Amino acid sequence: MVQAILGKFEHYIDSITVIPSRGGVFEVMVGDELVFSKKELGRHATIEEVLDSVDAVVGPVPNQQGD
């Protein structure tokens, strides 16, 4: 998941922090804004769901692969 986020947003983010947690909690924050929560959703996210959630805050970025 981190690789996917970095692959798409590496030129648009200053840093990414991964904090291990207990109980399978998985949350993605952009700045102080929670953009995805496994606990709230009740299931694990797909990579596309997380990338779309980050897109909603950061804004769409050009495709790095040129597709």
Protein backbone atom coordinates (compact mmCIF):
# COMPACT_ATOMS: atom_id res chain seq x y z
CA MET A 1 0.00 0.00 0.00
CA VAL A 2 2.79 2.43 0.89
CA GLN A 3 4.55 1.63 -2.41
CA ALA A 4 1.36 2.47 -4.32
CA ILE A 5 0.93 5.77 -2.49
CA LEU A 6 4.57 6.73 -3.02
CA GLY A 7 4.47 5.60 -6.63
CA LYS A 8 1.63 7.96 -7.40
CA PHE A 9 2.28 10.88 -5.06
CA GLU A 10 6.05 10.89 -4.54
CA HIS A 11 6.44 14.32 -6.16
CA TYR A 12 3.45 15.79 -4.31
CA ILE A 13 3.99 14.76 -0.69
CA ASP A 14 6.68 15.75 1.77
CA SER A 15 6.64 12.56 3.81
CA ILE A 16 4.78 9.39 4.63
CA THR A 17 4.70 7.72 8.02
CA VAL A 18 3.63 4.16 8.69
CA ILE A 19 2.71 3.41 12.28
CA PRO A 20 2.14 -0.23 13.18
CA SER A 21 -0.95 -0.81 15.27
CA ARG A 22 -2.84 -3.63 16.96
CA GLY A 23 -6.09 -5.21 15.93
CA GLY A 24 -5.65 -4.63 12.21
CA VAL A 25 -6.32 -0.90 12.45
CA PHE A 26 -5.37 0.76 9.18
CA GLU A 27 -5.80 4.48 8.64
CA VAL A 28 -4.50 6.89 6.04
CA MET A 29 -4.13 10.57 6.86
CA VAL A 30 -3.17 13.48 4.66
CA GLY A 31 -1.84 16.13 6.99
CA ASP A 32 -4.33 16.17 9.86
CA GLU A 33 -7.20 14.85 7.75
CA LEU A 34 -8.28 11.22 8.01
CA VAL A 35 -8.96 10.06 4.45
CA PHE A 36 -9.39 6.33 5.03
CA SER A 37 -10.16 4.20 8.06
CA LYS A 38 -10.42 0.41 7.98
CA LYS A 39 -12.13 0.58 11.36
CA GLU A 40 -14.84 2.90 10.02
CA LEU A 41 -15.26 0.94 6.76
CA GLY A 42 -15.26 -2.43 8.51
CA ARG A 43 -12.97 -4.05 5.94
CA HIS A 44 -9.57 -3.61 4.35
CA ALA A 45 -9.38 -1.13 1.48
CA THR A 46 -8.36 -1.82 -2.05
CA ILE A 47 -5.33 0.10 -3.26
CA GLU A 48 -7.57 2.09 -5.61
CA GLU A 49 -9.87 3.12 -2.74
CA VAL A 50 -6.94 4.51 -0.79
CA LEU A 51 -5.44 6.27 -3.81
CA ASP A 52 -8.84 7.79 -4.63
CA SER A 53 -9.18 8.98 -1.02
CA VAL A 54 -5.78 10.66 -1.17
CA ASP A 55 -6.66 12.13 -4.61
CA ALA A 56 -9.74 13.72 -3.07
CA VAL A 57 -7.54 15.72 -0.69
CA VAL A 58 -4.33 16.25 -2.67
CA GLY A 59 -6.07 16.66 -6.00
CA PRO A 60 -5.58 14.57 -9.10
CA VAL A 61 -1.94 14.22 -10.15
CA PRO A 62 -0.63 13.41 -13.62
CA ASN A 63 -0.17 9.71 -14.26
CA GLN A 64 3.50 8.92 -13.62
CA GLN A 65 3.45 6.01 -16.09
CA GLY A 66 2.20 8.03 -19.03
CA ASP A 67 -0.89 5.85 -19.65
